Amino acid sequence: MKFVLEMDQEEWQTLLELVFLGEYAVNACRPPKEISQKHRDAANALYRRHYEQTVKVSDPEAIEDNEIADIRDEVYDSVQEYLERFEEDVCLEKLAELLAEREYPSTEGDAEEQNLKRGLAEKYIRRRLQEKGLSAIRLDIPDLRRKVEEDWSRWNG
């Protein structure tokens, strides 16, 4: 089954942005061997179509991968602000959830009370993170700088 869509330029650009964001959400944190090729291919097919239409290519088979990558980069540029905000929001949201779980872990005996306390803790942590951002977080890794410098010296020996 094939679909034919009629869109104006602004609608098409918005669709490309949504496709980019969707493929990014599926694949961004996956290791290369776990990339969803189905989602990557679908996105690339639309970038290819965009290139065909904007450059007026007579032979679609002649389009090179770097030309498709250029389209993807242009779409990335148009959604970069959305991505940064999304990543920060998701990071802070997940961090609040994990920190609350650490303070009030799930237990067998008093699950309901523990869940309520964890929910309150998550609310307070989220509020602090929203107010202060990542500057509210301090991670103490003893001798971090020394360890990094030692590894750096070994690698660049």
C-alpha atoms as a PDB file:
ATOM      1  CA  MET A   1       0.000   0.000   0.000  1.00  0.00           C
ATOM      2  CA  LYS A   2       1.316   3.425  -0.917  1.00  0.00           C
ATOM      3  CA  PHE A   3       0.198   6.749   0.457  1.00  0.00           C
ATOM      4  CA  VAL A   4       0.154  10.055  -1.322  1.00  0.00           C
ATOM      5  CA  LEU A   5       0.331  13.131   0.874  1.00  0.00           C
ATOM      6  CA  GLU A   6      -0.216  16.679  -0.172  1.00  0.00           C
ATOM      7  CA  MET A   7       1.521  19.201   2.045  1.00  0.00           C
ATOM      8  CA  ASP A   8       2.721  22.723   1.775  1.00  0.00           C
ATOM      9  CA  GLN A   9       6.373  23.516   2.481  1.00  0.00           C
ATOM     10  CA  GLU A  10       5.818  24.383   6.148  1.00  0.00           C
ATOM     11  CA  GLU A  11       3.867  21.174   6.818  1.00  0.00           C
ATOM     12  CA  TRP A  12       6.567  19.122   5.075  1.00  0.00           C
ATOM     13  CA  GLN A  13       9.306  20.787   7.139  1.00  0.00           C
ATOM     14  CA  THR A  14       7.369  20.067  10.325  1.00  0.00           C
ATOM     15  CA  LEU A  15       6.970  16.426   9.278  1.00  0.00           C
ATOM     16  CA  LEU A  16      10.720  16.151   8.681  1.00  0.00           C
ATOM     17  CA  GLU A  17      11.369  17.631  12.110  1.00  0.00           C
ATOM     18  CA  LEU A  18       8.987  15.146  13.740  1.00  0.00           C
ATOM     19  CA  VAL A  19      10.597  12.266  11.851  1.00  0.00           C
ATOM     20  CA  PHE A  20      14.036  13.384  12.984  1.00  0.00           C
ATOM     21  CA  LEU A  21      12.899  13.705  16.602  1.00  0.00           C
ATOM     22  CA  GLY A  22      11.199  10.310  16.503  1.00  0.00           C
ATOM     23  CA  GLU A  23      14.189   8.508  15.030  1.00  0.00           C
ATOM     24  CA  TYR A  24      16.421  10.296  17.518  1.00  0.00           C
ATOM     25  CA  ALA A  25      14.249   9.147  20.432  1.00  0.00           C
ATOM     26  CA  VAL A  26      14.440   5.553  19.192  1.00  0.00           C
ATOM     27  CA  ASN A  27      18.157   5.418  18.391  1.00  0.00           C
ATOM     28  CA  ALA A  28      20.111   8.148  20.190  1.00  0.00           C
ATOM     29  CA  CYS A  29      21.093   6.147  23.258  1.00  0.00           C
ATOM     30  CA  ARG A  30      21.491   2.770  21.600  1.00  0.00           C
ATOM     31  CA  PRO A  31      24.878   1.282  20.861  1.00  0.00           C
ATOM     32  CA  PRO A  32      25.575   0.957  17.116  1.00  0.00           C
ATOM     33  CA  LYS A  33      24.732  -2.755  17.039  1.00  0.00           C
ATOM     34  CA  GLU A  34      21.274  -2.080  18.517  1.00  0.00           C
ATOM     35  CA  ILE A  35      20.226   0.802  16.240  1.00  0.00           C
ATOM     36  CA  SER A  36      16.720   0.346  14.879  1.00  0.00           C
ATOM     37  CA  GLN A  37      17.507   0.172  11.195  1.00  0.00           C
ATOM     38  CA  LYS A  38      13.794   0.229  10.386  1.00  0.00           C
ATOM     39  CA  HIS A  39      13.452   3.701  11.931  1.00  0.00           C
ATOM     40  CA  ARG A  40      16.754   4.943  10.500  1.00  0.00           C
ATOM     41  CA  ASP A  41      15.771   3.764   6.999  1.00  0.00           C
ATOM     42  CA  ALA A  42      12.312   5.364   7.201  1.00  0.00           C
ATOM     43  CA  ALA A  43      13.824   8.693   8.232  1.00  0.00           C
ATOM     44  CA  ASN A  44      16.472   8.504   5.508  1.00  0.00           C
ATOM     45  CA  ALA A  45      13.806   7.734   2.911  1.00  0.00           C
ATOM     46  CA  LEU A  46      12.040  10.990   3.775  1.00  0.00           C
ATOM     47  CA  TYR A  47      15.319  12.954   3.768  1.00  0.00           C
ATOM     48  CA  ARG A  48      16.048  11.435   0.346  1.00  0.00           C
ATOM     49  CA  ARG A  49      12.598  12.469  -0.900  1.00  0.00           C
ATOM     50  CA  HIS A  50      13.171  15.975   0.417  1.00  0.00           C
ATOM     51  CA  TYR A  51      16.491  16.170  -1.421  1.00  0.00           C
ATOM     52  CA  GLU A  52      14.882  14.907  -4.635  1.00  0.00           C
ATOM     53  CA  GLN A  53      12.208  17.590  -4.457  1.00  0.00           C
ATOM     54  CA  THR A  54      14.345  20.551  -3.404  1.00  0.00           C
ATOM     55  CA  VAL A  55      17.284  19.881  -5.753  1.00  0.00           C
ATOM     56  CA  LYS A  56      15.039  18.565  -8.566  1.00  0.00           C
ATOM     57  CA  VAL A  57      17.092  15.407  -9.021  1.00  0.00           C
ATOM     58  CA  SER A  58      16.375  13.540 -12.243  1.00  0.00           C
ATOM     59  CA  ASP A  59      18.063  10.310 -11.110  1.00  0.00           C
ATOM     60  CA  PRO A  60      17.239   9.502  -7.454  1.00  0.00           C
ATOM     61  CA  GLU A  61      19.704   6.586  -7.537  1.00  0.00           C
ATOM     62  CA  ALA A  62      22.543   9.088  -8.035  1.00  0.00           C
ATOM     63  CA  ILE A  63      21.942  10.738  -4.654  1.00  0.00           C
ATOM     64  CA  GLU A  64      24.906  10.095  -2.397  1.00  0.00           C
ATOM     65  CA  ASP A  65      24.782   9.290   1.311  1.00  0.00           C
ATOM     66  CA  ASN A  66      26.564  12.528   2.215  1.00  0.00           C
ATOM     67  CA  GLU A  67      23.809  14.520   0.492  1.00  0.00           C
ATOM     68  CA  ILE A  68      21.202  12.742   2.631  1.00  0.00           C
ATOM     69  CA  ALA A  69      23.385  13.401   5.691  1.00  0.00           C
ATOM     70  CA  ASP A  70      23.397  17.107   4.788  1.00  0.00           C
ATOM     71  CA  ILE A  71      19.581  17.134   4.829  1.00  0.00           C
ATOM     72  CA  ARG A  72      19.580  15.339   8.182  1.00  0.00           C
ATOM     73  CA  ASP A  73      22.023  17.952   9.522  1.00  0.00           C
ATOM     74  CA  GLU A  74      19.771  20.779   8.311  1.00  0.00           C
ATOM     75  CA  VAL A  75      16.790  19.212  10.082  1.00  0.00           C
ATOM     76  CA  TYR A  76      18.904  18.736  13.210  1.00  0.00           C
ATOM     77  CA  ASP A  77      19.770  22.440  13.144  1.00  0.00           C
ATOM     78  CA  SER A  78      16.071  23.302  13.028  1.00  0.00           C
ATOM     79  CA  VAL A  79      15.197  21.118  16.052  1.00  0.00           C
ATOM     80  CA  GLN A  80      18.337  21.514  18.146  1.00  0.00           C
ATOM     81  CA  GLU A  81      16.636  23.777  20.681  1.00  0.00           C
ATOM     82  CA  TYR A  82      13.781  21.276  21.126  1.00  0.00           C
ATOM     83  CA  LEU A  83      16.274  18.448  21.565  1.00  0.00           C
ATOM     84  CA  GLU A  84      18.323  20.256  24.166  1.00  0.00           C
ATOM     85  CA  ARG A  85      15.225  21.097  26.174  1.00  0.00           C
ATOM     86  CA  PHE A  86      13.870  17.550  25.843  1.00  0.00           C
ATOM     87  CA  GLU A  87      17.154  15.975  26.898  1.00  0.00           C
ATOM     88  CA  GLU A  88      17.456  18.238  29.913  1.00  0.00           C
ATOM     89  CA  ASP A  89      13.839  17.687  30.966  1.00  0.00           C
ATOM     90  CA  VAL A  90      14.066  13.917  30.521  1.00  0.00           C
ATOM     91  CA  CYS A  91      17.409  13.779  32.294  1.00  0.00           C
ATOM     92  CA  LEU A  92      16.157  15.748  35.276  1.00  0.00           C
ATOM     93  CA  GLU A  93      12.882  13.799  35.391  1.00  0.00           C
ATOM     94  CA  LYS A  94      14.646  10.438  35.331  1.00  0.00           C
ATOM     95  CA  LEU A  95      17.239  11.618  37.827  1.00  0.00           C
ATOM     96  CA  ALA A  96      14.507  12.706  40.243  1.00  0.00           C
ATOM     97  CA  GLU A  97      12.873   9.300  39.879  1.00  0.00           C
ATOM     98  CA  LEU A  98      16.128   7.393  40.472  1.00  0.00           C
ATOM     99  CA  LEU A  99      17.178   9.502  43.463  1.00  0.00           C
ATOM    100  CA  ALA A 100      13.759   9.143  45.077  1.00  0.00           C
ATOM    101  CA  GLU A 101      13.929   5.368  44.525  1.00  0.00           C
ATOM    102  CA  ARG A 102      17.328   5.278  46.180  1.00  0.00           C
ATOM    103  CA  GLU A 103      16.007   7.112  49.245  1.00  0.00           C
ATOM    104  CA  TYR A 104      12.703   5.216  49.399  1.00  0.00           C
ATOM    105  CA  PRO A 105      13.226   1.840  47.713  1.00  0.00           C
ATOM    106  CA  SER A 106      10.342  -0.433  46.877  1.00  0.00           C
ATOM    107  CA  THR A 107       9.754  -2.949  49.642  1.00  0.00           C
ATOM    108  CA  GLU A 108       7.373  -5.836  50.217  1.00  0.00           C
ATOM    109  CA  GLY A 109       5.946  -4.900  53.653  1.00  0.00           C
ATOM    110  CA  ASP A 110       4.787  -1.299  53.513  1.00  0.00           C
ATOM    111  CA  ALA A 111       4.625  -0.738  49.750  1.00  0.00           C
ATOM    112  CA  GLU A 112       1.806   1.828  49.806  1.00  0.00           C
ATOM    113  CA  GLU A 113       3.439   4.058  52.424  1.00  0.00           C
ATOM    114  CA  GLN A 114       6.830   3.692  50.732  1.00  0.00           C
ATOM    115  CA  ASN A 115       5.319   4.568  47.346  1.00  0.00           C
ATOM    116  CA  LEU A 116       3.725   7.709  48.771  1.00  0.00           C
ATOM    117  CA  LYS A 117       6.975   8.771  50.417  1.00  0.00           C
ATOM    118  CA  ARG A 118       8.910   8.051  47.238  1.00  0.00           C
ATOM    119  CA  GLY A 119       6.390  10.137  45.288  1.00  0.00           C
ATOM    120  CA  LEU A 120       6.857  13.056  47.674  1.00  0.00           C
ATOM    121  CA  ALA A 121      10.629  12.721  47.522  1.00  0.00           C
ATOM    122  CA  GLU A 122      10.496  12.683  43.736  1.00  0.00           C
ATOM    123  CA  LYS A 123       8.361  15.831  43.777  1.00  0.00           C
ATOM    124  CA  TYR A 124      10.838  17.674  46.032  1.00  0.00           C
ATOM    125  CA  ILE A 125      13.852  16.495  44.053  1.00  0.00           C
ATOM    126  CA  ARG A 126      12.212  17.451  40.744  1.00  0.00           C
ATOM    127  CA  ARG A 127      11.358  20.907  42.083  1.00  0.00           C
ATOM    128  CA  ARG A 128      14.960  21.471  43.232  1.00  0.00           C
ATOM    129  CA  LEU A 129      16.327  20.272  39.902  1.00  0.00           C
ATOM    130  CA  GLN A 130      13.943  22.570  38.035  1.00  0.00           C
ATOM    131  CA  GLU A 131      15.047  25.508  40.188  1.00  0.00           C
ATOM    132  CA  LYS A 132      18.784  24.852  40.165  1.00  0.00           C
ATOM    133  CA  GLY A 133      19.294  22.593  37.139  1.00  0.00           C
ATOM    134  CA  LEU A 134      22.225  20.240  37.119  1.00  0.00           C
ATOM    135  CA  SER A 135      24.143  22.594  39.396  1.00  0.00           C
ATOM    136  CA  ALA A 136      22.052  21.136  42.252  1.00  0.00           C
ATOM    137  CA  ILE A 137      23.834  17.813  41.790  1.00  0.00           C
ATOM    138  CA  ARG A 138      27.169  16.933  43.289  1.00  0.00           C
ATOM    139  CA  LEU A 139      28.768  13.626  42.472  1.00  0.00           C
ATOM    140  CA  ASP A 140      31.738  12.688  44.614  1.00  0.00           C
ATOM    141  CA  ILE A 141      34.217  10.415  42.868  1.00  0.00           C
ATOM    142  CA  PRO A 142      37.380  10.359  44.969  1.00  0.00           C
ATOM    143  CA  ASP A 143      40.531  11.037  42.957  1.00  0.00           C
ATOM    144  CA  LEU A 144      38.611  11.545  39.694  1.00  0.00           C
ATOM    145  CA  ARG A 145      41.085  14.057  38.291  1.00  0.00           C
ATOM    146  CA  ARG A 146      44.064  11.848  39.200  1.00  0.00           C
ATOM    147  CA  LYS A 147      42.454   8.769  37.595  1.00  0.00           C
ATOM    148  CA  VAL A 148      41.609  10.660  34.405  1.00  0.00           C
ATOM    149  CA  GLU A 149      45.113  12.109  34.152  1.00  0.00           C
ATOM    150  CA  GLU A 150      46.693   8.670  34.675  1.00  0.00           C
ATOM    151  CA  ASP A 151      44.497   7.093  31.982  1.00  0.00           C
ATOM    152  CA  TRP A 152      45.155  10.023  29.672  1.00  0.00           C
ATOM    153  CA  SER A 153      48.892   9.605  30.118  1.00  0.00           C
ATOM    154  CA  ARG A 154      48.670   5.884  29.385  1.00  0.00           C
ATOM    155  CA  TRP A 155      46.634   6.426  26.204  1.00  0.00           C
ATOM    156  CA  ASN A 156      48.801   9.254  24.936  1.00  0.00           C
ATOM    157  CA  GLY A 157      52.044   7.869  26.409  1.00  0.00           C
END
